[in-house]
PDB file of N, CA and C in Angstrom:
ATOM      1  N   MET A   1      19.380   2.112  17.362  1.00  0.00           N
ATOM      2  CA  MET A   1      19.111   0.776  16.870  1.00  0.00           C
ATOM      3  C   MET A   1      19.495   0.713  15.389  1.00  0.00           C
ATOM      4  N   PRO A   2      20.230  -0.316  14.974  1.00  0.00           N
ATOM      5  CA  PRO A   2      20.604  -0.447  13.554  1.00  0.00           C
ATOM      6  C   PRO A   2      19.364  -0.525  12.666  1.00  0.00           C
ATOM      7  N   PRO A   3      19.460  -0.014  11.426  1.00  0.00           N
ATOM      8  CA  PRO A   3      18.281   0.034  10.554  1.00  0.00           C
ATOM      9  C   PRO A   3      17.737  -1.335  10.176  1.00  0.00           C
ATOM     10  N   ASP A   4      18.548  -2.399  10.271  1.00  0.00           N
ATOM     11  CA  ASP A   4      18.059  -3.720   9.887  1.00  0.00           C
ATOM     12  C   ASP A   4      17.427  -4.476  11.054  1.00  0.00           C
ATOM     13  N   VAL A   5      17.359  -3.857  12.229  1.00  0.00           N
ATOM     14  CA  VAL A   5      16.745  -4.479  13.396  1.00  0.00           C
ATOM     15  C   VAL A   5      15.337  -3.922  13.553  1.00  0.00           C
ATOM     16  N   VAL A   6      14.373  -4.823  13.591  1.00  0.00           N
ATOM     17  CA  VAL A   6      12.978  -4.422  13.745  1.00  0.00           C
ATOM     18  C   VAL A   6      12.578  -4.667  15.196  1.00  0.00           C
ATOM     19  N   PRO A   7      12.106  -3.644  15.891  1.00  0.00           N
ATOM     20  CA  PRO A   7      11.702  -3.847  17.278  1.00  0.00           C
ATOM     21  C   PRO A   7      10.463  -4.740  17.344  1.00  0.00           C
ATOM     22  N   HIS A   8      10.351  -5.494  18.409  1.00  0.00           N
ATOM     23  CA  HIS A   8       9.184  -6.349  18.597  1.00  0.00           C
ATOM     24  C   HIS A   8       7.988  -5.462  18.932  1.00  0.00           C
ATOM     25  N   LEU A   9       6.908  -5.676  18.231  1.00  0.00           N
ATOM     26  CA  LEU A   9       5.682  -4.931  18.482  1.00  0.00           C
ATOM     27  C   LEU A   9       4.604  -5.891  18.943  1.00  0.00           C
ATOM     28  N   SER A  10       3.756  -5.423  19.813  1.00  0.00           N
ATOM     29  CA  SER A  10       2.584  -6.214  20.179  1.00  0.00           C
ATOM     30  C   SER A  10       1.639  -6.214  18.976  1.00  0.00           C
ATOM     31  N   PRO A  11       0.693  -7.151  18.912  1.00  0.00           N
ATOM     32  CA  PRO A  11      -0.277  -7.121  17.804  1.00  0.00           C
ATOM     33  C   PRO A  11      -0.992  -5.771  17.701  1.00  0.00           C
ATOM     34  N   GLN A  12      -1.350  -5.186  18.827  1.00  0.00           N
ATOM     35  CA  GLN A  12      -2.023  -3.886  18.823  1.00  0.00           C
ATOM     36  C   GLN A  12      -1.124  -2.807  18.222  1.00  0.00           C
ATOM     37  N   GLU A  13       0.133  -2.776  18.635  1.00  0.00           N
ATOM     38  CA  GLU A  13       1.078  -1.793  18.099  1.00  0.00           C
ATOM     39  C   GLU A  13       1.312  -2.010  16.609  1.00  0.00           C
ATOM     40  N   ALA A  14       1.393  -3.270  16.201  1.00  0.00           N
ATOM     41  CA  ALA A  14       1.602  -3.579  14.783  1.00  0.00           C
ATOM     42  C   ALA A  14       0.427  -3.092  13.949  1.00  0.00           C
ATOM     43  N   VAL A  15      -0.790  -3.361  14.413  1.00  0.00           N
ATOM     44  CA  VAL A  15      -1.977  -2.930  13.667  1.00  0.00           C
ATOM     45  C   VAL A  15      -2.043  -1.409  13.610  1.00  0.00           C
ATOM     46  N   GLU A  16      -1.732  -0.746  14.704  1.00  0.00           N
ATOM     47  CA  GLU A  16      -1.741   0.723  14.699  1.00  0.00           C
ATOM     48  C   GLU A  16      -0.747   1.267  13.678  1.00  0.00           C
ATOM     49  N   ARG A  17       0.443   0.693  13.628  1.00  0.00           N
ATOM     50  CA  ARG A  17       1.456   1.144  12.657  1.00  0.00           C
ATOM     51  C   ARG A  17       1.008   0.836  11.241  1.00  0.00           C
ATOM     52  N   LEU A  18       0.457  -0.350  11.038  1.00  0.00           N
ATOM     53  CA  LEU A  18       0.002  -0.739   9.702  1.00  0.00           C
ATOM     54  C   LEU A  18      -1.144   0.142   9.222  1.00  0.00           C
ATOM     55  N   GLU A  19      -1.998   0.565  10.118  1.00  0.00           N
ATOM     56  CA  GLU A  19      -3.083   1.470   9.737  1.00  0.00           C
ATOM     57  C   GLU A  19      -2.526   2.792   9.206  1.00  0.00           C
ATOM     58  N   GLU A  20      -1.427   3.261   9.791  1.00  0.00           N
ATOM     59  CA  GLU A  20      -0.782   4.481   9.288  1.00  0.00           C
ATOM     60  C   GLU A  20      -0.227   4.253   7.885  1.00  0.00           C
ATOM     61  N   VAL A  21       0.399   3.111   7.684  1.00  0.00           N
ATOM     62  CA  VAL A  21       0.950   2.783   6.366  1.00  0.00           C
ATOM     63  C   VAL A  21      -0.177   2.653   5.348  1.00  0.00           C
ATOM     64  N   LEU A  22      -1.256   1.978   5.733  1.00  0.00           N
ATOM     65  CA  LEU A  22      -2.378   1.798   4.809  1.00  0.00           C
ATOM     66  C   LEU A  22      -3.094   3.117   4.518  1.00  0.00           C
ATOM     67  N   ALA A  23      -3.049   4.054   5.446  1.00  0.00           N
ATOM     68  CA  ALA A  23      -3.630   5.375   5.176  1.00  0.00           C
ATOM     69  C   ALA A  23      -2.871   6.058   4.040  1.00  0.00           C
ATOM     70  N   HIS A  24      -1.551   5.936   4.041  1.00  0.00           N
ATOM     71  CA  HIS A  24      -0.751   6.473   2.928  1.00  0.00           C
ATOM     72  C   HIS A  24      -1.113   5.743   1.634  1.00  0.00           C
ATOM     73  N   ALA A  25      -1.234   4.431   1.722  1.00  0.00           N
ATOM     74  CA  ALA A  25      -1.574   3.639   0.539  1.00  0.00           C
ATOM     75  C   ALA A  25      -2.934   4.051  -0.015  1.00  0.00           C
ATOM     76  N   TRP A  26      -3.877   4.356   0.868  1.00  0.00           N
ATOM     77  CA  TRP A  26      -5.208   4.768   0.410  1.00  0.00           C
ATOM     78  C   TRP A  26      -5.131   6.097  -0.348  1.00  0.00           C
ATOM     79  N   MET A  27      -4.302   7.008   0.123  1.00  0.00           N
ATOM     80  CA  MET A  27      -4.158   8.286  -0.566  1.00  0.00           C
ATOM     81  C   MET A  27      -3.490   8.101  -1.926  1.00  0.00           C
ATOM     82  N   VAL A  28      -2.507   7.206  -2.003  1.00  0.00           N
ATOM     83  CA  VAL A  28      -1.881   6.891  -3.292  1.00  0.00           C
ATOM     84  C   VAL A  28      -2.926   6.298  -4.219  1.00  0.00           C
ATOM     85  N   ARG A  29      -3.715   5.378  -3.704  1.00  0.00           N
ATOM     86  CA  ARG A  29      -4.775   4.752  -4.497  1.00  0.00           C
ATOM     87  C   ARG A  29      -5.736   5.809  -5.053  1.00  0.00           C
ATOM     88  N   THR A  30      -6.146   6.739  -4.211  1.00  0.00           N
ATOM     89  CA  THR A  30      -7.079   7.777  -4.646  1.00  0.00           C
ATOM     90  C   THR A  30      -6.449   8.654  -5.718  1.00  0.00           C
ATOM     91  N   PHE A  31      -5.194   9.037  -5.519  1.00  0.00           N
ATOM     92  CA  PHE A  31      -4.486   9.840  -6.512  1.00  0.00           C
ATOM     93  C   PHE A  31      -4.418   9.103  -7.850  1.00  0.00           C
ATOM     94  N   LEU A  32      -3.997   7.838  -7.818  1.00  0.00           N
ATOM     95  CA  LEU A  32      -3.827   7.085  -9.064  1.00  0.00           C
ATOM     96  C   LEU A  32      -5.155   6.761  -9.732  1.00  0.00           C
ATOM     97  N   LYS A  33      -6.167   6.530  -8.944  1.00  0.00           N
ATOM     98  CA  LYS A  33      -7.489   6.225  -9.505  1.00  0.00           C
ATOM     99  C   LYS A  33      -7.966   7.359 -10.417  1.00  0.00           C
ATOM    100  N   HIS A  34      -7.617   8.575 -10.063  1.00  0.00           N
ATOM    101  CA  HIS A  34      -8.073   9.743 -10.821  1.00  0.00           C
ATOM    102  C   HIS A  34      -7.010  10.311 -11.764  1.00  0.00           C
ATOM    103  N   ALA A  35      -5.866   9.657 -11.862  1.00  0.00           N
ATOM    104  CA  ALA A  35      -4.774  10.149 -12.708  1.00  0.00           C
ATOM    105  C   ALA A  35      -5.023   9.762 -14.165  1.00  0.00           C
ATOM    106  N   GLU A  36      -5.285  10.748 -14.989  1.00  0.00           N
ATOM    107  CA  GLU A  36      -5.576  10.494 -16.407  1.00  0.00           C
ATOM    108  C   GLU A  36      -4.414   9.824 -17.127  1.00  0.00           C
ATOM    109  N   GLU A  37      -3.196  10.116 -16.699  1.00  0.00           N
ATOM    110  CA  GLU A  37      -2.011   9.606 -17.395  1.00  0.00           C
ATOM    111  C   GLU A  37      -1.927   8.082 -17.414  1.00  0.00           C
ATOM    112  N   ILE A  38      -2.498   7.415 -16.426  1.00  0.00           N
ATOM    113  CA  ILE A  38      -2.349   5.954 -16.352  1.00  0.00           C
ATOM    114  C   ILE A  38      -3.563   5.188 -16.859  1.00  0.00           C
ATOM    115  N   GLN A  39      -4.607   5.883 -17.251  1.00  0.00           N
ATOM    116  CA  GLN A  39      -5.868   5.212 -17.576  1.00  0.00           C
ATOM    117  C   GLN A  39      -5.766   4.209 -18.718  1.00  0.00           C
ATOM    118  N   GLY A  40      -4.818   4.359 -19.608  1.00  0.00           N
ATOM    119  CA  GLY A  40      -4.692   3.436 -20.733  1.00  0.00           C
ATOM    120  C   GLY A  40      -3.768   2.253 -20.481  1.00  0.00           C
ATOM    121  N   CYS A  41      -3.262   2.119 -19.271  1.00  0.00           N
ATOM    122  CA  CYS A  41      -2.285   1.060 -18.977  1.00  0.00           C
ATOM    123  C   CYS A  41      -2.837   0.091 -17.924  1.00  0.00           C
ATOM    124  N   PRO A  42      -3.259  -1.094 -18.351  1.00  0.00           N
ATOM    125  CA  PRO A  42      -3.815  -2.063 -17.396  1.00  0.00           C
ATOM    126  C   PRO A  42      -2.856  -2.419 -16.256  1.00  0.00           C
ATOM    127  N   ASP A  43      -1.562  -2.511 -16.555  1.00  0.00           N
ATOM    128  CA  ASP A  43      -0.604  -2.848 -15.495  1.00  0.00           C
ATOM    129  C   ASP A  43      -0.551  -1.760 -14.431  1.00  0.00           C
ATOM    130  N   MET A  44      -0.573  -0.507 -14.854  1.00  0.00           N
ATOM    131  CA  MET A  44      -0.535   0.586 -13.887  1.00  0.00           C
ATOM    132  C   MET A  44      -1.872   0.693 -13.146  1.00  0.00           C
ATOM    133  N   LEU A  45      -2.976   0.398 -13.820  1.00  0.00           N
ATOM    134  CA  LEU A  45      -4.277   0.430 -13.155  1.00  0.00           C
ATOM    135  C   LEU A  45      -4.403  -0.657 -12.093  1.00  0.00           C
ATOM    136  N   ALA A  46      -3.578  -1.687 -12.192  1.00  0.00           N
ATOM    137  CA  ALA A  46      -3.582  -2.736 -11.168  1.00  0.00           C
ATOM    138  C   ALA A  46      -3.092  -2.206  -9.822  1.00  0.00           C
ATOM    139  N   VAL A  47      -2.325  -1.131  -9.835  1.00  0.00           N
ATOM    140  CA  VAL A  47      -1.797  -0.577  -8.586  1.00  0.00           C
ATOM    141  C   VAL A  47      -2.934  -0.061  -7.700  1.00  0.00           C
ATOM    142  N   PRO A  48      -3.762   0.888  -8.142  1.00  0.00           N
ATOM    143  CA  PRO A  48      -4.837   1.341  -7.254  1.00  0.00           C
ATOM    144  C   PRO A  48      -5.844   0.232  -6.945  1.00  0.00           C
ATOM    145  N   ARG A  49      -6.063  -0.665  -7.883  1.00  0.00           N
ATOM    146  CA  ARG A  49      -6.998  -1.769  -7.653  1.00  0.00           C
ATOM    147  C   ARG A  49      -6.490  -2.692  -6.542  1.00  0.00           C
ATOM    148  N   THR A  50      -5.206  -3.016  -6.575  1.00  0.00           N
ATOM    149  CA  THR A  50      -4.618  -3.881  -5.544  1.00  0.00           C
ATOM    150  C   THR A  50      -4.614  -3.190  -4.185  1.00  0.00           C
ATOM    151  N   LEU A  51      -4.319  -1.908  -4.168  1.00  0.00           N
ATOM    152  CA  LEU A  51      -4.357  -1.163  -2.909  1.00  0.00           C
ATOM    153  C   LEU A  51      -5.765  -1.183  -2.319  1.00  0.00           C
ATOM    154  N   PHE A  52      -6.763  -0.954  -3.155  1.00  0.00           N
ATOM    155  CA  PHE A  52      -8.157  -0.983  -2.706  1.00  0.00           C
ATOM    156  C   PHE A  52      -8.507  -2.352  -2.140  1.00  0.00           C
ATOM    157  N   ASP A  53      -8.202  -3.403  -2.892  1.00  0.00           N
ATOM    158  CA  ASP A  53      -8.528  -4.765  -2.458  1.00  0.00           C
ATOM    159  C   ASP A  53      -7.855  -5.109  -1.134  1.00  0.00           C
ATOM    160  N   THR A  54      -6.613  -4.702  -0.981  1.00  0.00           N
ATOM    161  CA  THR A  54      -5.864  -5.008   0.242  1.00  0.00           C
ATOM    162  C   THR A  54      -6.468  -4.304   1.449  1.00  0.00           C
ATOM    163  N   ILE A  55      -6.719  -3.029   1.304  1.00  0.00           N
ATOM    164  CA  ILE A  55      -7.236  -2.251   2.431  1.00  0.00           C
ATOM    165  C   ILE A  55      -8.629  -2.719   2.813  1.00  0.00           C
ATOM    166  N   ARG A  56      -9.451  -2.983   1.827  1.00  0.00           N
ATOM    167  CA  ARG A  56     -10.804  -3.469   2.117  1.00  0.00           C
ATOM    168  C   ARG A  56     -10.792  -4.879   2.696  1.00  0.00           C
ATOM    169  N   ALA A  57      -9.786  -5.679   2.362  1.00  0.00           N
ATOM    170  CA  ALA A  57      -9.702  -7.047   2.872  1.00  0.00           C
ATOM    171  C   ALA A  57      -9.487  -7.083   4.387  1.00  0.00           C
ATOM    172  N   VAL A  58      -8.766  -6.109   4.923  1.00  0.00           N
ATOM    173  CA  VAL A  58      -8.504  -6.106   6.366  1.00  0.00           C
ATOM    174  C   VAL A  58      -9.555  -5.330   7.154  1.00  0.00           C
ATOM    175  N   GLU A  59     -10.398  -4.607   6.455  1.00  0.00           N
ATOM    176  CA  GLU A  59     -11.372  -3.746   7.125  1.00  0.00           C
ATOM    177  C   GLU A  59     -12.309  -4.493   8.075  1.00  0.00           C
ATOM    178  N   PRO A  60     -12.906  -5.622   7.683  1.00  0.00           N
ATOM    179  CA  PRO A  60     -13.805  -6.312   8.622  1.00  0.00           C
ATOM    180  C   PRO A  60     -13.107  -6.738   9.919  1.00  0.00           C
ATOM    181  N   ALA A  61     -11.888  -7.240   9.807  1.00  0.00           N
ATOM    182  CA  ALA A  61     -11.148  -7.646  11.007  1.00  0.00           C
ATOM    183  C   ALA A  61     -10.857  -6.434  11.888  1.00  0.00           C
ATOM    184  N   ARG A  62     -10.502  -5.318  11.269  1.00  0.00           N
ATOM    185  CA  ARG A  62     -10.243  -4.092  12.042  1.00  0.00           C
ATOM    186  C   ARG A  62     -11.505  -3.648  12.764  1.00  0.00           C
ATOM    187  N   GLN A  63     -12.634  -3.680  12.067  1.00  0.00           N
ATOM    188  CA  GLN A  63     -13.894  -3.258  12.674  1.00  0.00           C
ATOM    189  C   GLN A  63     -14.299  -4.154  13.845  1.00  0.00           C
ATOM    190  N   ARG A  64     -13.987  -5.439  13.745  1.00  0.00           N
ATOM    191  CA  ARG A  64     -14.287  -6.384  14.833  1.00  0.00           C
ATOM    192  C   ARG A  64     -13.259  -6.315  15.955  1.00  0.00           C
ATOM    193  N   GLY A  65     -12.130  -5.678  15.695  1.00  0.00           N
ATOM    194  CA  GLY A  65     -11.051  -5.657  16.666  1.00  0.00           C
ATOM    195  C   GLY A  65     -10.297  -6.977  16.730  1.00  0.00           C
ATOM    196  N   ASP A  66     -10.375  -7.758  15.670  1.00  0.00           N
ATOM    197  CA  ASP A  66      -9.715  -9.063  15.597  1.00  0.00           C
ATOM    198  C   ASP A  66      -8.310  -8.869  15.030  1.00  0.00           C
ATOM    199  N   LEU A  67      -7.376  -8.611  15.919  1.00  0.00           N
ATOM    200  CA  LEU A  67      -6.015  -8.285  15.506  1.00  0.00           C
ATOM    201  C   LEU A  67      -5.342  -9.440  14.779  1.00  0.00           C
ATOM    202  N   ALA A  68      -5.551 -10.657  15.260  1.00  0.00           N
ATOM    203  CA  ALA A  68      -4.920 -11.824  14.628  1.00  0.00           C
ATOM    204  C   ALA A  68      -5.420 -11.993  13.197  1.00  0.00           C
ATOM    205  N   ALA A  69      -6.719 -11.853  12.985  1.00  0.00           N
ATOM    206  CA  ALA A  69      -7.277 -11.980  11.632  1.00  0.00           C
ATOM    207  C   ALA A  69      -6.771 -10.856  10.737  1.00  0.00           C
ATOM    208  N   TYR A  70      -6.686  -9.658  11.271  1.00  0.00           N
ATOM    209  CA  TYR A  70      -6.174  -8.508  10.518  1.00  0.00           C
ATOM    210  C   TYR A  70      -4.760  -8.794  10.026  1.00  0.00           C
ATOM    211  N   LEU A  71      -3.897  -9.200  10.948  1.00  0.00           N
ATOM    212  CA  LEU A  71      -2.497  -9.450  10.597  1.00  0.00           C
ATOM    213  C   LEU A  71      -2.362 -10.620   9.630  1.00  0.00           C
ATOM    214  N   ARG A  72      -3.137 -11.666   9.840  1.00  0.00           N
ATOM    215  CA  ARG A  72      -3.098 -12.829   8.952  1.00  0.00           C
ATOM    216  C   ARG A  72      -3.558 -12.448   7.544  1.00  0.00           C
ATOM    217  N   ARG A  73      -4.641 -11.706   7.468  1.00  0.00           N
ATOM    218  CA  ARG A  73      -5.187 -11.288   6.174  1.00  0.00           C
ATOM    219  C   ARG A  73      -4.192 -10.392   5.434  1.00  0.00           C
ATOM    220  N   LEU A  74      -3.602  -9.458   6.146  1.00  0.00           N
ATOM    221  CA  LEU A  74      -2.643  -8.555   5.513  1.00  0.00           C
ATOM    222  C   LEU A  74      -1.386  -9.308   5.084  1.00  0.00           C
ATOM    223  N   GLN A  75      -0.957 -10.252   5.892  1.00  0.00           N
ATOM    224  CA  GLN A  75       0.216 -11.045   5.525  1.00  0.00           C
ATOM    225  C   GLN A  75      -0.017 -11.777   4.206  1.00  0.00           C
ATOM    226  N   GLY A  76      -1.247 -12.244   3.999  1.00  0.00           N
ATOM    227  CA  GLY A  76      -1.574 -12.925   2.753  1.00  0.00           C
ATOM    228  C   GLY A  76      -1.553 -12.007   1.537  1.00  0.00           C
ATOM    229  N   LYS A  77      -1.607 -10.715   1.756  1.00  0.00           N
ATOM    230  CA  LYS A  77      -1.614  -9.729   0.667  1.00  0.00           C
ATOM    231  C   LYS A  77      -0.236  -9.126   0.394  1.00  0.00           C
ATOM    232  N   LEU A  78       0.741  -9.434   1.234  1.00  0.00           N
ATOM    233  CA  LEU A  78       2.045  -8.771   1.125  1.00  0.00           C
ATOM    234  C   LEU A  78       2.746  -8.998  -0.206  1.00  0.00           C
ATOM    235  N   ALA A  79       2.695 -10.203  -0.738  1.00  0.00           N
ATOM    236  CA  ALA A  79       3.392 -10.470  -2.007  1.00  0.00           C
ATOM    237  C   ALA A  79       2.848  -9.579  -3.117  1.00  0.00           C
ATOM    238  N   LYS A  80       1.529  -9.442  -3.192  1.00  0.00           N
ATOM    239  CA  LYS A  80       0.933  -8.567  -4.215  1.00  0.00           C
ATOM    240  C   LYS A  80       1.321  -7.112  -3.982  1.00  0.00           C
ATOM    241  N   LEU A  81       1.295  -6.687  -2.727  1.00  0.00           N
ATOM    242  CA  LEU A  81       1.674  -5.305  -2.424  1.00  0.00           C
ATOM    243  C   LEU A  81       3.117  -5.023  -2.817  1.00  0.00           C
ATOM    244  N   ARG A  82       3.986  -5.958  -2.535  1.00  0.00           N
ATOM    245  CA  ARG A  82       5.391  -5.770  -2.918  1.00  0.00           C
ATOM    246  C   ARG A  82       5.544  -5.696  -4.432  1.00  0.00           C
ATOM    247  N   ARG A  83       4.821  -6.556  -5.139  1.00  0.00           N
ATOM    248  CA  ARG A  83       4.897  -6.555  -6.609  1.00  0.00           C
ATOM    249  C   ARG A  83       4.425  -5.232  -7.199  1.00  0.00           C
ATOM    250  N   ILE A  84       3.273  -4.750  -6.742  1.00  0.00           N
ATOM    251  CA  ILE A  84       2.769  -3.497  -7.326  1.00  0.00           C
ATOM    252  C   ILE A  84       3.627  -2.308  -6.914  1.00  0.00           C
ATOM    253  N   THR A  85       4.190  -2.347  -5.718  1.00  0.00           N
ATOM    254  CA  THR A  85       5.090  -1.277  -5.282  1.00  0.00           C
ATOM    255  C   THR A  85       6.329  -1.245  -6.167  1.00  0.00           C
ATOM    256  N   GLN A  86       6.895  -2.397  -6.420  1.00  0.00           N
ATOM    257  CA  GLN A  86       8.074  -2.465  -7.288  1.00  0.00           C
ATOM    258  C   GLN A  86       7.720  -2.011  -8.702  1.00  0.00           C
ATOM    259  N   TYR A  87       6.606  -2.510  -9.227  1.00  0.00           N
ATOM    260  CA  TYR A  87       6.196  -2.126 -10.580  1.00  0.00           C
ATOM    261  C   TYR A  87       6.007  -0.606 -10.662  1.00  0.00           C
ATOM    262  N   TYR A  88       5.244  -0.055  -9.729  1.00  0.00           N
ATOM    263  CA  TYR A  88       4.980   1.377  -9.758  1.00  0.00           C
ATOM    264  C   TYR A  88       6.282   2.173  -9.655  1.00  0.00           C
ATOM    265  N   SER A  89       7.146   1.801  -8.724  1.00  0.00           N
ATOM    266  CA  SER A  89       8.404   2.530  -8.526  1.00  0.00           C
ATOM    267  C   SER A  89       9.280   2.521  -9.772  1.00  0.00           C
ATOM    268  N   GLU A  90       9.239   1.420 -10.502  1.00  0.00           N
ATOM    269  CA  GLU A  90      10.068   1.295 -11.704  1.00  0.00           C
ATOM    270  C   GLU A  90       9.459   1.954 -12.938  1.00  0.00           C
ATOM    271  N   HIS A  91       8.147   2.188 -12.959  1.00  0.00           N
ATOM    272  CA  HIS A  91       7.491   2.634 -14.184  1.00  0.00           C
ATOM    273  C   HIS A  91       6.767   3.981 -14.119  1.00  0.00           C
ATOM    274  N   TYR A  92       6.597   4.558 -12.932  1.00  0.00           N
ATOM    275  CA  TYR A  92       5.783   5.773 -12.856  1.00  0.00           C
ATOM    276  C   TYR A  92       6.334   6.902 -13.719  1.00  0.00           C
ATOM    277  N   ALA A  93       7.644   7.029 -13.830  1.00  0.00           N
ATOM    278  CA  ALA A  93       8.245   8.161 -14.547  1.00  0.00           C
ATOM    279  C   ALA A  93       7.902   8.159 -16.030  1.00  0.00           C
ATOM    280  N   ARG A  94       7.571   7.009 -16.583  1.00  0.00           N
ATOM    281  CA  ARG A  94       7.217   6.993 -18.000  1.00  0.00           C
ATOM    282  C   ARG A  94       5.828   7.600 -18.241  1.00  0.00           C
ATOM    283  N   PHE A  95       5.049   7.737 -17.175  1.00  0.00           N
ATOM    284  CA  PHE A  95       3.726   8.354 -17.286  1.00  0.00           C
ATOM    285  C   PHE A  95       3.775   9.835 -16.975  1.00  0.00           C
ATOM    286  N   SER A  96       4.600  10.195 -15.997  1.00  0.00           N
ATOM    287  CA  SER A  96       4.724  11.604 -15.633  1.00  0.00           C
ATOM    288  C   SER A  96       5.934  11.800 -14.719  1.00  0.00           C
ATOM    289  N   PRO A  97       6.699  12.871 -14.973  1.00  0.00           N
ATOM    290  CA  PRO A  97       7.814  13.189 -14.084  1.00  0.00           C
ATOM    291  C   PRO A  97       7.368  14.032 -12.880  1.00  0.00           C
ATOM    292  N   HIS A  98       6.073  14.289 -12.774  1.00  0.00           N
ATOM    293  CA  HIS A  98       5.547  15.172 -11.736  1.00  0.00           C
ATOM    294  C   HIS A  98       5.895  14.650 -10.342  1.00  0.00           C
ATOM    295  N   THR A  99       6.122  15.578  -9.439  1.00  0.00           N
ATOM    296  CA  THR A  99       6.469  15.248  -8.059  1.00  0.00           C
ATOM    297  C   THR A  99       5.425  14.353  -7.395  1.00  0.00           C
ATOM    298  N   ASN A 100       4.152  14.524  -7.727  1.00  0.00           N
ATOM    299  CA  ASN A 100       3.112  13.691  -7.115  1.00  0.00           C
ATOM    300  C   ASN A 100       3.366  12.211  -7.360  1.00  0.00           C
ATOM    301  N   TYR A 101       3.823  11.872  -8.547  1.00  0.00           N
ATOM    302  CA  TYR A 101       4.094  10.471  -8.873  1.00  0.00           C
ATOM    303  C   TYR A 101       5.295   9.954  -8.082  1.00  0.00           C
ATOM    304  N   ALA A 102       6.319  10.771  -7.955  1.00  0.00           N
ATOM    305  CA  ALA A 102       7.498  10.374  -7.182  1.00  0.00           C
ATOM    306  C   ALA A 102       7.156  10.213  -5.701  1.00  0.00           C
ATOM    307  N   MET A 103       6.369  11.129  -5.173  1.00  0.00           N
ATOM    308  CA  MET A 103       5.973  11.040  -3.767  1.00  0.00           C
ATOM    309  C   MET A 103       5.081   9.823  -3.522  1.00  0.00           C
ATOM    310  N   ALA A 104       4.253   9.482  -4.494  1.00  0.00           N
ATOM    311  CA  ALA A 104       3.424   8.275  -4.370  1.00  0.00           C
ATOM    312  C   ALA A 104       4.307   7.039  -4.275  1.00  0.00           C
ATOM    313  N   ALA A 105       5.372   6.999  -5.058  1.00  0.00           N
ATOM    314  CA  ALA A 105       6.304   5.867  -4.991  1.00  0.00           C
ATOM    315  C   ALA A 105       6.948   5.790  -3.608  1.00  0.00           C
ATOM    316  N   LEU A 106       7.351   6.925  -3.068  1.00  0.00           N
ATOM    317  CA  LEU A 106       7.938   6.935  -1.722  1.00  0.00           C
ATOM    318  C   LEU A 106       6.933   6.487  -0.671  1.00  0.00           C
ATOM    319  N   SER A 107       5.701   6.930  -0.800  1.00  0.00           N
ATOM    320  CA  SER A 107       4.665   6.524   0.154  1.00  0.00           C
ATOM    321  C   SER A 107       4.435   5.021   0.115  1.00  0.00           C
ATOM    322  N   LEU A 108       4.421   4.450  -1.072  1.00  0.00           N
ATOM    323  CA  LEU A 108       4.212   3.005  -1.180  1.00  0.00           C
ATOM    324  C   LEU A 108       5.373   2.226  -0.577  1.00  0.00           C
ATOM    325  N   ARG A 109       6.562   2.738  -0.717  1.00  0.00           N
ATOM    326  CA  ARG A 109       7.731   2.041  -0.165  1.00  0.00           C
ATOM    327  C   ARG A 109       7.861   2.235   1.339  1.00  0.00           C
ATOM    328  N   GLY A 110       7.212   3.278   1.880  1.00  0.00           N
ATOM    329  CA  GLY A 110       7.362   3.617   3.286  1.00  0.00           C
ATOM    330  C   GLY A 110       6.590   2.757   4.184  1.00  0.00           C
TER     331      GLY A 110
END
């Protein structure tokens, strides 16, 4: 299948895949929350904060098994997620060249 073709997923399959993506995002959030290098930069601190807010926003729908609400809620958060992903990817190296920061950028884009 060409890389620009997205297979049709059922709501259940979509939520299962998104949970995997959000699990990576949660680990990035945890790493950045404790990263001393970014503590003085409000823009960079917005990254773990936005990840936390996004993941917690879909949690009630996931717990209820309300797939439509989960997908709708997450869709409403996509613009912010894209913004922080782009910001982080473009700026992480100025805080640290460490592999952990580069891998966090890849995880957010994945």
